[in-house]
Amino acid sequence: AGEASYRAYPEARRLPVDRQIPTRLRSFYVLSRERRSAREYLGRTVAREDFDALLYTACGVTGVVSRAGCELKLRAYPSSGALYAVEIYPLVFRVEGLEPAVYHYRAVENVLEVVRSGIDPANIVSSMLPVERRMVAGVAAIICLAGLFPRHERKYGEGGYRMLVAEAGHISQNLILAATALGLSARPFG
């Protein structure tokens, strides 16, 4: 395992990659170096303003374009055909000003819809894989990404699955980088 398992081309000519970072890229460079997958969550409450900023920055609408007489609201992540087939469901355990509940983030209106109120975080934690339970028990929220396969498949057929998985990856990375910028701990779970 380790580096020995990575593909290499010993006979290939090698060209060094410059490590100089242009000023315009410096803040992203620093952020990407600070990002680490956290494994310890301490049961702290997240400020509502940080939670809202996380969702809006990572997943919210960033612009509008007109196409075929319709307004298309673009988001902070790429989506094949602008279909936005991944839905975002925050499971809130400890966020200031929000009750423990399952929410749906409706990006086009920048609102949280209460899908199921009065959830018991302990029940959700107990449904996790045994190796994850201790870690997940201390989180303030879990952001679940749910793919709507028919939304992609009606345009791309079975190949829509690959695009949907890529979209979920884009959202996940945005969430992790936004959390890092906010000083919050985050990591993806499978």
N, C-alpha and C. Protein backbone atom coordinates (compact mmCIF):
# COMPACT_ATOMS: atom_id res chain seq x y z
N ALA A 1 0.84 -1.18 0.00
CA ALA A 1 0.00 0.00 0.00
C ALA A 1 0.88 1.25 0.00
N GLY A 2 0.27 2.39 0.32
CA GLY A 2 1.05 3.63 0.36
C GLY A 2 1.47 4.09 -1.01
N GLU A 3 2.54 4.89 -1.05
CA GLU A 3 3.02 5.47 -2.31
C GLU A 3 3.43 4.40 -3.32
N ALA A 4 3.88 3.24 -2.86
CA ALA A 4 4.34 2.19 -3.77
C ALA A 4 3.22 1.70 -4.68
N SER A 5 1.97 1.86 -4.28
CA SER A 5 0.87 1.36 -5.10
C SER A 5 0.38 2.38 -6.13
N TYR A 6 0.89 3.61 -6.09
CA TYR A 6 0.47 4.61 -7.06
C TYR A 6 1.13 4.31 -8.41
N ARG A 7 0.42 4.60 -9.46
CA ARG A 7 0.94 4.38 -10.81
C ARG A 7 2.10 5.33 -11.07
N ALA A 8 3.14 4.82 -11.69
CA ALA A 8 4.30 5.63 -12.07
C ALA A 8 4.79 5.17 -13.44
N TYR A 9 5.49 6.06 -14.11
CA TYR A 9 6.04 5.78 -15.43
C TYR A 9 7.54 6.05 -15.37
N PRO A 10 8.33 5.08 -14.90
CA PRO A 10 9.76 5.31 -14.68
C PRO A 10 10.54 5.75 -15.93
N GLU A 11 10.07 5.38 -17.10
CA GLU A 11 10.77 5.72 -18.34
C GLU A 11 10.34 7.08 -18.89
N ALA A 12 9.30 7.63 -18.32
CA ALA A 12 8.76 8.90 -18.84
C ALA A 12 9.64 10.07 -18.44
N ARG A 13 9.70 11.08 -19.32
CA ARG A 13 10.40 12.32 -19.00
C ARG A 13 9.60 13.03 -17.94
N ARG A 14 10.26 13.59 -16.94
CA ARG A 14 9.60 14.27 -15.83
C ARG A 14 9.86 15.77 -15.88
N LEU A 15 8.79 16.55 -15.69
CA LEU A 15 8.87 18.01 -15.71
C LEU A 15 8.42 18.52 -14.34
N PRO A 16 9.23 19.31 -13.68
CA PRO A 16 8.82 19.81 -12.36
C PRO A 16 7.64 20.77 -12.47
N VAL A 17 6.79 20.77 -11.45
CA VAL A 17 5.65 21.68 -11.36
C VAL A 17 6.05 22.79 -10.39
N ASP A 18 5.88 24.02 -10.84
CA ASP A 18 6.26 25.18 -10.04
C ASP A 18 5.40 25.26 -8.79
N ARG A 19 5.99 25.58 -7.65
CA ARG A 19 5.26 25.71 -6.39
C ARG A 19 4.89 27.15 -6.06
N GLN A 20 5.16 28.07 -6.93
CA GLN A 20 4.80 29.47 -6.70
C GLN A 20 3.28 29.62 -6.83
N ILE A 21 2.69 30.29 -5.88
CA ILE A 21 1.24 30.49 -5.88
C ILE A 21 0.96 31.97 -6.17
N PRO A 22 0.24 32.25 -7.27
CA PRO A 22 -0.10 33.65 -7.58
C PRO A 22 -0.94 34.25 -6.46
N THR A 23 -0.81 35.53 -6.26
CA THR A 23 -1.54 36.23 -5.21
C THR A 23 -3.04 35.97 -5.30
N ARG A 24 -3.58 35.95 -6.50
CA ARG A 24 -5.02 35.77 -6.68
C ARG A 24 -5.50 34.38 -6.26
N LEU A 25 -4.59 33.43 -6.09
CA LEU A 25 -4.94 32.07 -5.68
C LEU A 25 -4.55 31.77 -4.24
N ARG A 26 -3.89 32.69 -3.59
CA ARG A 26 -3.33 32.48 -2.26
C ARG A 26 -4.37 32.04 -1.22
N SER A 27 -5.53 32.70 -1.16
CA SER A 27 -6.51 32.36 -0.12
C SER A 27 -7.05 30.94 -0.32
N PHE A 28 -7.26 30.53 -1.57
CA PHE A 28 -7.71 29.16 -1.81
C PHE A 28 -6.61 28.16 -1.48
N TYR A 29 -5.39 28.50 -1.81
CA TYR A 29 -4.26 27.63 -1.48
C TYR A 29 -4.19 27.38 0.02
N VAL A 30 -4.29 28.44 0.80
CA VAL A 30 -4.23 28.32 2.26
C VAL A 30 -5.40 27.47 2.76
N LEU A 31 -6.60 27.74 2.26
CA LEU A 31 -7.78 26.98 2.67
C LEU A 31 -7.63 25.50 2.35
N SER A 32 -7.14 25.18 1.16
CA SER A 32 -6.99 23.77 0.77
C SER A 32 -5.93 23.06 1.61
N ARG A 33 -4.97 23.79 2.15
CA ARG A 33 -3.95 23.20 3.02
C ARG A 33 -4.44 23.03 4.45
N GLU A 34 -5.45 23.81 4.85
CA GLU A 34 -6.03 23.70 6.20
C GLU A 34 -7.05 22.58 6.28
N ARG A 35 -7.65 22.19 5.16
CA ARG A 35 -8.70 21.19 5.16
C ARG A 35 -8.16 19.82 5.60
N ARG A 36 -8.79 19.27 6.61
CA ARG A 36 -8.47 17.93 7.08
C ARG A 36 -9.78 17.26 7.49
N SER A 37 -9.87 15.96 7.29
CA SER A 37 -11.07 15.22 7.71
C SER A 37 -11.02 15.02 9.21
N ALA A 38 -11.97 15.63 9.90
CA ALA A 38 -12.03 15.54 11.37
C ALA A 38 -12.58 14.19 11.78
N ARG A 39 -12.10 13.71 12.91
CA ARG A 39 -12.57 12.44 13.43
C ARG A 39 -13.10 12.57 14.86
N GLU A 40 -12.95 13.74 15.43
CA GLU A 40 -13.44 13.98 16.79
C GLU A 40 -14.41 15.15 16.76
N TYR A 41 -15.62 14.90 17.17
CA TYR A 41 -16.64 15.93 17.29
C TYR A 41 -17.06 15.99 18.75
N LEU A 42 -17.09 17.18 19.30
CA LEU A 42 -17.19 17.34 20.75
C LEU A 42 -18.58 17.66 21.26
N GLY A 43 -19.59 17.57 20.43
CA GLY A 43 -20.94 17.83 20.88
C GLY A 43 -21.27 19.30 21.06
N ARG A 44 -20.51 20.16 20.42
CA ARG A 44 -20.74 21.60 20.54
C ARG A 44 -21.86 22.05 19.60
N THR A 45 -22.48 23.14 19.97
CA THR A 45 -23.53 23.74 19.16
C THR A 45 -22.89 24.66 18.12
N VAL A 46 -23.41 24.63 16.91
CA VAL A 46 -22.94 25.51 15.84
C VAL A 46 -23.86 26.73 15.81
N ALA A 47 -23.26 27.89 15.63
CA ALA A 47 -24.02 29.13 15.52
C ALA A 47 -24.89 29.08 14.26
N ARG A 48 -26.09 29.56 14.37
CA ARG A 48 -27.01 29.56 13.22
C ARG A 48 -26.42 30.33 12.05
N GLU A 49 -25.76 31.45 12.31
CA GLU A 49 -25.20 32.23 11.20
C GLU A 49 -24.12 31.44 10.46
N ASP A 50 -23.34 30.63 11.17
CA ASP A 50 -22.34 29.78 10.51
C ASP A 50 -23.01 28.68 9.70
N PHE A 51 -24.05 28.07 10.26
CA PHE A 51 -24.77 27.00 9.56
C PHE A 51 -25.40 27.55 8.28
N ASP A 52 -26.06 28.69 8.38
CA ASP A 52 -26.67 29.30 7.19
C ASP A 52 -25.61 29.67 6.16
N ALA A 53 -24.50 30.24 6.61
CA ALA A 53 -23.41 30.62 5.69
C ALA A 53 -22.84 29.39 5.00
N LEU A 54 -22.73 28.30 5.72
CA LEU A 54 -22.23 27.04 5.15
C LEU A 54 -23.13 26.59 4.00
N LEU A 55 -24.43 26.51 4.25
CA LEU A 55 -25.36 26.06 3.21
C LEU A 55 -25.39 27.02 2.02
N TYR A 56 -25.51 28.30 2.30
CA TYR A 56 -25.64 29.27 1.22
C TYR A 56 -24.36 29.35 0.38
N THR A 57 -23.21 29.35 1.04
CA THR A 57 -21.95 29.46 0.31
C THR A 57 -21.67 28.20 -0.51
N ALA A 58 -21.88 27.03 0.07
CA ALA A 58 -21.55 25.77 -0.60
C ALA A 58 -22.59 25.34 -1.61
N CYS A 59 -23.85 25.70 -1.40
CA CYS A 59 -24.94 25.12 -2.20
C CYS A 59 -25.92 26.13 -2.78
N GLY A 60 -25.79 27.37 -2.41
CA GLY A 60 -26.80 28.36 -2.79
C GLY A 60 -26.71 28.85 -4.22
N VAL A 61 -27.67 29.66 -4.59
CA VAL A 61 -27.75 30.25 -5.93
C VAL A 61 -26.68 31.33 -6.05
N THR A 62 -25.97 31.29 -7.18
CA THR A 62 -24.88 32.24 -7.42
C THR A 62 -25.14 33.18 -8.59
N GLY A 63 -26.19 32.92 -9.33
CA GLY A 63 -26.50 33.76 -10.48
C GLY A 63 -27.71 33.23 -11.22
N VAL A 64 -28.17 34.03 -12.16
CA VAL A 64 -29.35 33.66 -12.95
C VAL A 64 -29.03 33.91 -14.42
N VAL A 65 -29.41 32.96 -15.26
CA VAL A 65 -29.30 33.15 -16.72
C VAL A 65 -30.66 32.86 -17.34
N SER A 66 -30.92 33.53 -18.43
CA SER A 66 -32.16 33.27 -19.17
C SER A 66 -31.85 32.29 -20.28
N ARG A 67 -32.69 31.27 -20.38
CA ARG A 67 -32.50 30.25 -21.40
C ARG A 67 -33.88 29.80 -21.88
N ALA A 68 -34.13 29.92 -23.15
CA ALA A 68 -35.40 29.51 -23.76
C ALA A 68 -36.60 30.13 -23.05
N GLY A 69 -36.48 31.40 -22.69
CA GLY A 69 -37.57 32.10 -22.05
C GLY A 69 -37.77 31.79 -20.57
N CYS A 70 -36.87 31.01 -20.00
CA CYS A 70 -36.96 30.66 -18.58
C CYS A 70 -35.74 31.21 -17.85
N GLU A 71 -35.95 31.51 -16.58
CA GLU A 71 -34.82 31.90 -15.73
C GLU A 71 -34.25 30.66 -15.08
N LEU A 72 -32.96 30.45 -15.25
CA LEU A 72 -32.27 29.30 -14.66
C LEU A 72 -31.38 29.82 -13.54
N LYS A 73 -31.63 29.35 -12.33
CA LYS A 73 -30.84 29.78 -11.18
C LYS A 73 -29.64 28.84 -11.03
N LEU A 74 -28.47 29.41 -11.24
CA LEU A 74 -27.22 28.64 -11.14
C LEU A 74 -26.79 28.55 -9.69
N ARG A 75 -26.09 27.46 -9.35
CA ARG A 75 -25.70 27.24 -7.97
C ARG A 75 -24.18 27.24 -7.83
N ALA A 76 -23.73 27.09 -6.62
CA ALA A 76 -22.31 27.18 -6.29
C ALA A 76 -21.52 25.95 -6.71
N TYR A 77 -22.14 25.01 -7.37
CA TYR A 77 -21.46 23.79 -7.80
C TYR A 77 -21.94 23.43 -9.21
N PRO A 78 -21.10 22.73 -9.97
CA PRO A 78 -21.52 22.35 -11.32
C PRO A 78 -22.53 21.19 -11.28
N SER A 79 -23.43 21.22 -12.25
CA SER A 79 -24.44 20.17 -12.39
C SER A 79 -24.67 19.95 -13.88
N SER A 80 -24.54 18.73 -14.33
CA SER A 80 -24.73 18.42 -15.74
C SER A 80 -26.10 18.87 -16.21
N GLY A 81 -26.12 19.66 -17.26
CA GLY A 81 -27.38 20.15 -17.81
C GLY A 81 -28.13 21.07 -16.87
N ALA A 82 -27.47 21.54 -15.81
CA ALA A 82 -28.10 22.38 -14.78
C ALA A 82 -29.38 21.73 -14.25
N LEU A 83 -29.33 20.40 -14.11
CA LEU A 83 -30.50 19.66 -13.62
C LEU A 83 -30.57 19.63 -12.10
N TYR A 84 -29.47 19.83 -11.43
CA TYR A 84 -29.41 19.84 -9.96
C TYR A 84 -30.19 18.66 -9.38
N ALA A 85 -29.70 17.47 -9.72
CA ALA A 85 -30.39 16.23 -9.34
C ALA A 85 -30.02 15.74 -7.94
N VAL A 86 -29.15 16.43 -7.26
CA VAL A 86 -28.83 16.07 -5.87
C VAL A 86 -29.57 17.02 -4.94
N GLU A 87 -30.36 16.45 -4.06
CA GLU A 87 -31.11 17.23 -3.08
C GLU A 87 -30.34 17.23 -1.76
N ILE A 88 -30.44 18.31 -1.01
CA ILE A 88 -29.63 18.51 0.19
C ILE A 88 -30.53 18.48 1.42
N TYR A 89 -30.25 17.52 2.31
CA TYR A 89 -31.05 17.32 3.52
C TYR A 89 -30.18 17.44 4.76
N PRO A 90 -30.17 18.60 5.42
CA PRO A 90 -29.46 18.71 6.70
C PRO A 90 -30.23 18.00 7.81
N LEU A 91 -29.54 17.15 8.55
CA LEU A 91 -30.07 16.56 9.78
C LEU A 91 -29.45 17.36 10.91
N VAL A 92 -30.26 18.16 11.56
CA VAL A 92 -29.75 19.08 12.57
C VAL A 92 -29.89 18.46 13.96
N PHE A 93 -28.77 18.41 14.68
CA PHE A 93 -28.75 17.93 16.06
C PHE A 93 -28.57 19.11 17.02
N ARG A 94 -27.55 19.93 16.74
CA ARG A 94 -27.21 21.05 17.62
C ARG A 94 -26.81 22.27 16.79
N VAL A 95 -27.81 23.01 16.35
CA VAL A 95 -27.58 24.28 15.66
C VAL A 95 -28.44 25.31 16.38
N GLU A 96 -27.79 26.37 16.80
CA GLU A 96 -28.45 27.45 17.54
C GLU A 96 -29.70 27.93 16.80
N GLY A 97 -30.82 27.94 17.47
CA GLY A 97 -32.05 28.46 16.89
C GLY A 97 -32.82 27.49 16.00
N LEU A 98 -32.31 26.26 15.83
CA LEU A 98 -33.03 25.26 15.03
C LEU A 98 -33.32 24.05 15.91
N GLU A 99 -34.54 23.52 15.80
CA GLU A 99 -34.86 22.32 16.55
C GLU A 99 -34.21 21.11 15.88
N PRO A 100 -33.90 20.07 16.65
CA PRO A 100 -33.42 18.84 16.01
C PRO A 100 -34.49 18.34 15.04
N ALA A 101 -34.10 18.23 13.78
CA ALA A 101 -35.06 17.86 12.74
C ALA A 101 -34.31 17.49 11.47
N VAL A 102 -35.06 16.90 10.54
CA VAL A 102 -34.57 16.69 9.18
C VAL A 102 -35.13 17.85 8.37
N TYR A 103 -34.24 18.54 7.68
CA TYR A 103 -34.62 19.69 6.86
C TYR A 103 -34.28 19.39 5.40
N HIS A 104 -34.89 20.13 4.51
CA HIS A 104 -34.54 20.12 3.10
C HIS A 104 -34.10 21.54 2.76
N TYR A 105 -32.88 21.67 2.17
CA TYR A 105 -32.42 22.99 1.76
C TYR A 105 -32.91 23.25 0.36
N ARG A 106 -33.79 24.20 0.22
CA ARG A 106 -34.33 24.60 -1.08
C ARG A 106 -33.55 25.82 -1.55
N ALA A 107 -32.51 25.53 -2.35
CA ALA A 107 -31.56 26.56 -2.77
C ALA A 107 -32.21 27.69 -3.58
N VAL A 108 -33.16 27.36 -4.44
CA VAL A 108 -33.75 28.39 -5.31
C VAL A 108 -34.46 29.48 -4.51
N GLU A 109 -34.87 29.17 -3.28
CA GLU A 109 -35.50 30.17 -2.42
C GLU A 109 -34.65 30.47 -1.19
N ASN A 110 -33.53 29.77 -1.05
CA ASN A 110 -32.63 29.89 0.10
C ASN A 110 -33.40 29.75 1.42
N VAL A 111 -34.12 28.63 1.53
CA VAL A 111 -34.90 28.33 2.73
C VAL A 111 -34.68 26.88 3.17
N LEU A 112 -34.90 26.65 4.45
CA LEU A 112 -34.94 25.30 5.00
C LEU A 112 -36.40 24.90 5.16
N GLU A 113 -36.74 23.74 4.64
CA GLU A 113 -38.07 23.19 4.83
C GLU A 113 -37.98 22.11 5.90
N VAL A 114 -38.85 22.15 6.89
CA VAL A 114 -38.85 21.13 7.94
C VAL A 114 -39.55 19.89 7.38
N VAL A 115 -38.77 18.83 7.18
CA VAL A 115 -39.30 17.59 6.63
C VAL A 115 -39.81 16.68 7.75
N ARG A 116 -39.03 16.58 8.82
CA ARG A 116 -39.44 15.77 9.97
C ARG A 116 -38.90 16.43 11.22
N SER A 117 -39.80 16.91 12.07
CA SER A 117 -39.37 17.57 13.30
C SER A 117 -39.30 16.55 14.44
N GLY A 118 -38.70 16.99 15.53
CA GLY A 118 -38.65 16.17 16.74
C GLY A 118 -37.83 14.91 16.62
N ILE A 119 -36.80 14.93 15.80
CA ILE A 119 -35.98 13.71 15.68
C ILE A 119 -35.14 13.52 16.94
N ASP A 120 -34.78 12.29 17.20
CA ASP A 120 -33.90 11.95 18.32
C ASP A 120 -32.52 11.65 17.74
N PRO A 121 -31.55 12.54 17.95
CA PRO A 121 -30.21 12.31 17.40
C PRO A 121 -29.64 10.94 17.77
N ALA A 122 -29.95 10.43 18.97
CA ALA A 122 -29.43 9.12 19.38
C ALA A 122 -29.92 8.01 18.46
N ASN A 123 -31.15 8.10 17.99
CA ASN A 123 -31.67 7.09 17.05
C ASN A 123 -30.92 7.13 15.72
N ILE A 124 -30.61 8.33 15.28
CA ILE A 124 -29.88 8.46 14.01
C ILE A 124 -28.47 7.92 14.17
N VAL A 125 -27.82 8.27 15.28
CA VAL A 125 -26.46 7.78 15.53
C VAL A 125 -26.45 6.26 15.60
N SER A 126 -27.43 5.66 16.23
CA SER A 126 -27.46 4.20 16.36
C SER A 126 -27.67 3.50 15.01
N SER A 127 -28.18 4.23 14.01
CA SER A 127 -28.37 3.62 12.68
C SER A 127 -27.10 3.67 11.83
N MET A 128 -26.07 4.36 12.32
CA MET A 128 -24.81 4.46 11.58
C MET A 128 -24.03 3.15 11.69
N LEU A 129 -23.02 3.03 10.86
CA LEU A 129 -22.12 1.88 10.97
C LEU A 129 -21.47 1.89 12.34
N PRO A 130 -21.26 0.74 12.95
CA PRO A 130 -20.67 0.70 14.29
C PRO A 130 -19.38 1.50 14.44
N VAL A 131 -18.51 1.48 13.43
CA VAL A 131 -17.24 2.19 13.54
C VAL A 131 -17.41 3.71 13.48
N GLU A 132 -18.57 4.18 13.02
CA GLU A 132 -18.82 5.62 12.90
C GLU A 132 -19.61 6.19 14.07
N ARG A 133 -20.26 5.38 14.85
CA ARG A 133 -21.20 5.86 15.87
C ARG A 133 -20.57 6.83 16.86
N ARG A 134 -19.41 6.47 17.42
CA ARG A 134 -18.79 7.34 18.41
C ARG A 134 -18.44 8.70 17.80
N MET A 135 -17.94 8.67 16.58
CA MET A 135 -17.57 9.91 15.91
C MET A 135 -18.80 10.76 15.61
N VAL A 136 -19.84 10.16 15.10
CA VAL A 136 -21.03 10.89 14.68
C VAL A 136 -21.82 11.42 15.87
N ALA A 137 -21.70 10.78 17.01
CA ALA A 137 -22.47 11.18 18.20
C ALA A 137 -22.23 12.64 18.58
N GLY A 138 -21.07 13.19 18.29
CA GLY A 138 -20.76 14.55 18.69
C GLY A 138 -20.99 15.62 17.64
N VAL A 139 -21.54 15.26 16.47
CA VAL A 139 -21.71 16.25 15.40
C VAL A 139 -22.88 17.18 15.69
N ALA A 140 -22.79 18.37 15.16
CA ALA A 140 -23.89 19.34 15.28
C ALA A 140 -24.93 19.11 14.19
N ALA A 141 -24.49 18.64 13.04
CA ALA A 141 -25.40 18.39 11.92
C ALA A 141 -24.74 17.42 10.95
N ILE A 142 -25.58 16.73 10.21
CA ILE A 142 -25.14 15.87 9.12
C ILE A 142 -25.85 16.37 7.87
N ILE A 143 -25.10 16.62 6.81
CA ILE A 143 -25.71 17.06 5.56
C ILE A 143 -25.80 15.83 4.65
N CYS A 144 -27.01 15.35 4.42
CA CYS A 144 -27.22 14.18 3.56
C CYS A 144 -27.49 14.65 2.14
N LEU A 145 -26.86 13.98 1.20
CA LEU A 145 -27.04 14.28 -0.22
C LEU A 145 -27.80 13.12 -0.84
N ALA A 146 -28.95 13.40 -1.42
CA ALA A 146 -29.80 12.36 -2.01
C ALA A 146 -29.96 12.63 -3.49
N GLY A 147 -29.61 11.64 -4.31
CA GLY A 147 -29.72 11.80 -5.75
C GLY A 147 -31.09 11.42 -6.27
N LEU A 148 -31.61 12.22 -7.17
CA LEU A 148 -32.87 11.91 -7.85
C LEU A 148 -32.51 11.41 -9.25
N PHE A 149 -32.35 10.10 -9.36
CA PHE A 149 -31.90 9.50 -10.61
C PHE A 149 -32.79 9.83 -11.81
N PRO A 150 -34.11 9.80 -11.67
CA PRO A 150 -34.93 10.11 -12.85
C PRO A 150 -34.67 11.49 -13.43
N ARG A 151 -34.28 12.45 -12.60
CA ARG A 151 -34.03 13.81 -13.10
C ARG A 151 -32.88 13.81 -14.09
N HIS A 152 -31.84 13.04 -13.83
CA HIS A 152 -30.71 12.96 -14.76
C HIS A 152 -30.98 11.98 -15.89
N GLU A 153 -31.61 10.87 -15.58
CA GLU A 153 -31.79 9.82 -16.58
C GLU A 153 -32.72 10.23 -17.71
N ARG A 154 -33.65 11.14 -17.44
CA ARG A 154 -34.55 11.54 -18.54
C ARG A 154 -33.78 12.27 -19.64
N LYS A 155 -32.64 12.85 -19.30
CA LYS A 155 -31.83 13.55 -20.30
C LYS A 155 -30.63 12.71 -20.74
N TYR A 156 -29.99 12.00 -19.79
CA TYR A 156 -28.73 11.32 -20.07
C TYR A 156 -28.81 9.80 -20.04
N GLY A 157 -29.98 9.25 -19.80
CA GLY A 157 -30.10 7.79 -19.72
C GLY A 157 -29.32 7.25 -18.53
N GLU A 158 -28.86 6.03 -18.65
CA GLU A 158 -28.14 5.40 -17.54
C GLU A 158 -26.85 6.12 -17.22
N GLY A 159 -26.28 6.84 -18.17
CA GLY A 159 -25.05 7.61 -17.94
C GLY A 159 -25.25 8.74 -16.95
N GLY A 160 -26.49 9.09 -16.70
CA GLY A 160 -26.79 10.14 -15.72
C GLY A 160 -26.30 9.80 -14.33
N TYR A 161 -26.17 8.51 -14.04
CA TYR A 161 -25.68 8.08 -12.73
C TYR A 161 -24.29 8.66 -12.46
N ARG A 162 -23.40 8.58 -13.44
CA ARG A 162 -22.04 9.10 -13.27
C ARG A 162 -22.06 10.60 -13.01
N MET A 163 -22.90 11.31 -13.71
CA MET A 163 -22.99 12.75 -13.54
C MET A 163 -23.56 13.11 -12.17
N LEU A 164 -24.51 12.33 -11.70
CA LEU A 164 -25.11 12.57 -10.40
C LEU A 164 -24.08 12.35 -9.29
N VAL A 165 -23.28 11.31 -9.41
CA VAL A 165 -22.24 11.03 -8.42
C VAL A 165 -21.21 12.16 -8.42
N ALA A 166 -20.84 12.65 -9.59
CA ALA A 166 -19.89 13.77 -9.66
C ALA A 166 -20.49 15.01 -9.01
N GLU A 167 -21.76 15.28 -9.24
CA GLU A 167 -22.42 16.44 -8.63
C GLU A 167 -22.38 16.35 -7.10
N ALA A 168 -22.66 15.16 -6.57
CA ALA A 168 -22.59 14.97 -5.12
C ALA A 168 -21.18 15.24 -4.61
N GLY A 169 -20.18 14.84 -5.37
CA GLY A 169 -18.79 15.11 -4.98
C GLY A 169 -18.48 16.60 -4.96
N HIS A 170 -19.00 17.33 -5.94
CA HIS A 170 -18.78 18.78 -5.98
C HIS A 170 -19.41 19.45 -4.76
N ILE A 171 -20.64 19.04 -4.43
CA ILE A 171 -21.32 19.62 -3.27
C ILE A 171 -20.56 19.29 -2.00
N SER A 172 -20.14 18.04 -1.86
CA SER A 172 -19.41 17.60 -0.67
C SER A 172 -18.14 18.42 -0.48
N GLN A 173 -17.38 18.60 -1.53
CA GLN A 173 -16.15 19.38 -1.42
C GLN A 173 -16.44 20.83 -1.06
N ASN A 174 -17.48 21.41 -1.66
CA ASN A 174 -17.86 22.78 -1.29
C ASN A 174 -18.20 22.87 0.19
N LEU A 175 -18.98 21.92 0.69
CA LEU A 175 -19.36 21.92 2.11
C LEU A 175 -18.13 21.82 3.01
N ILE A 176 -17.20 20.95 2.65
CA ILE A 176 -16.01 20.75 3.47
C ILE A 176 -15.12 21.99 3.46
N LEU A 177 -14.93 22.59 2.30
CA LEU A 177 -14.09 23.79 2.23
C LEU A 177 -14.76 24.97 2.93
N ALA A 178 -16.08 25.12 2.79
CA ALA A 178 -16.78 26.20 3.49
C ALA A 178 -16.71 25.99 4.99
N ALA A 179 -16.87 24.75 5.45
CA ALA A 179 -16.76 24.45 6.89
C ALA A 179 -15.36 24.80 7.39
N THR A 180 -14.35 24.45 6.62
CA THR A 180 -12.97 24.76 7.00
C THR A 180 -12.78 26.27 7.13
N ALA A 181 -13.29 27.02 6.16
CA ALA A 181 -13.16 28.48 6.20
C ALA A 181 -13.87 29.07 7.42
N LEU A 182 -14.93 28.42 7.87
CA LEU A 182 -15.69 28.89 9.04
C LEU A 182 -15.07 28.41 10.36
N GLY A 183 -14.03 27.59 10.27
CA GLY A 183 -13.41 27.06 11.49
C GLY A 183 -14.18 25.89 12.07
N LEU A 184 -15.03 25.26 11.25
CA LEU A 184 -15.80 24.11 11.70
C LEU A 184 -15.11 22.82 11.22
N SER A 185 -15.30 21.75 11.96
CA SER A 185 -14.78 20.45 11.58
C SER A 185 -15.78 19.75 10.67
N ALA A 186 -15.29 19.10 9.63
CA ALA A 186 -16.17 18.41 8.69
C ALA A 186 -15.41 17.27 8.04
N ARG A 187 -16.18 16.30 7.56
CA ARG A 187 -15.62 15.20 6.78
C ARG A 187 -16.75 14.51 6.03
N PRO A 188 -16.43 13.87 4.91
CA PRO A 188 -17.47 13.11 4.21
C PRO A 188 -17.62 11.72 4.82
N PHE A 189 -18.83 11.22 4.79
CA PHE A 189 -19.12 9.83 5.17
C PHE A 189 -19.75 9.17 3.96
N GLY A 190 -19.52 7.88 3.79
CA GLY A 190 -20.02 7.17 2.61
C GLY A 190 -21.45 6.79 2.69
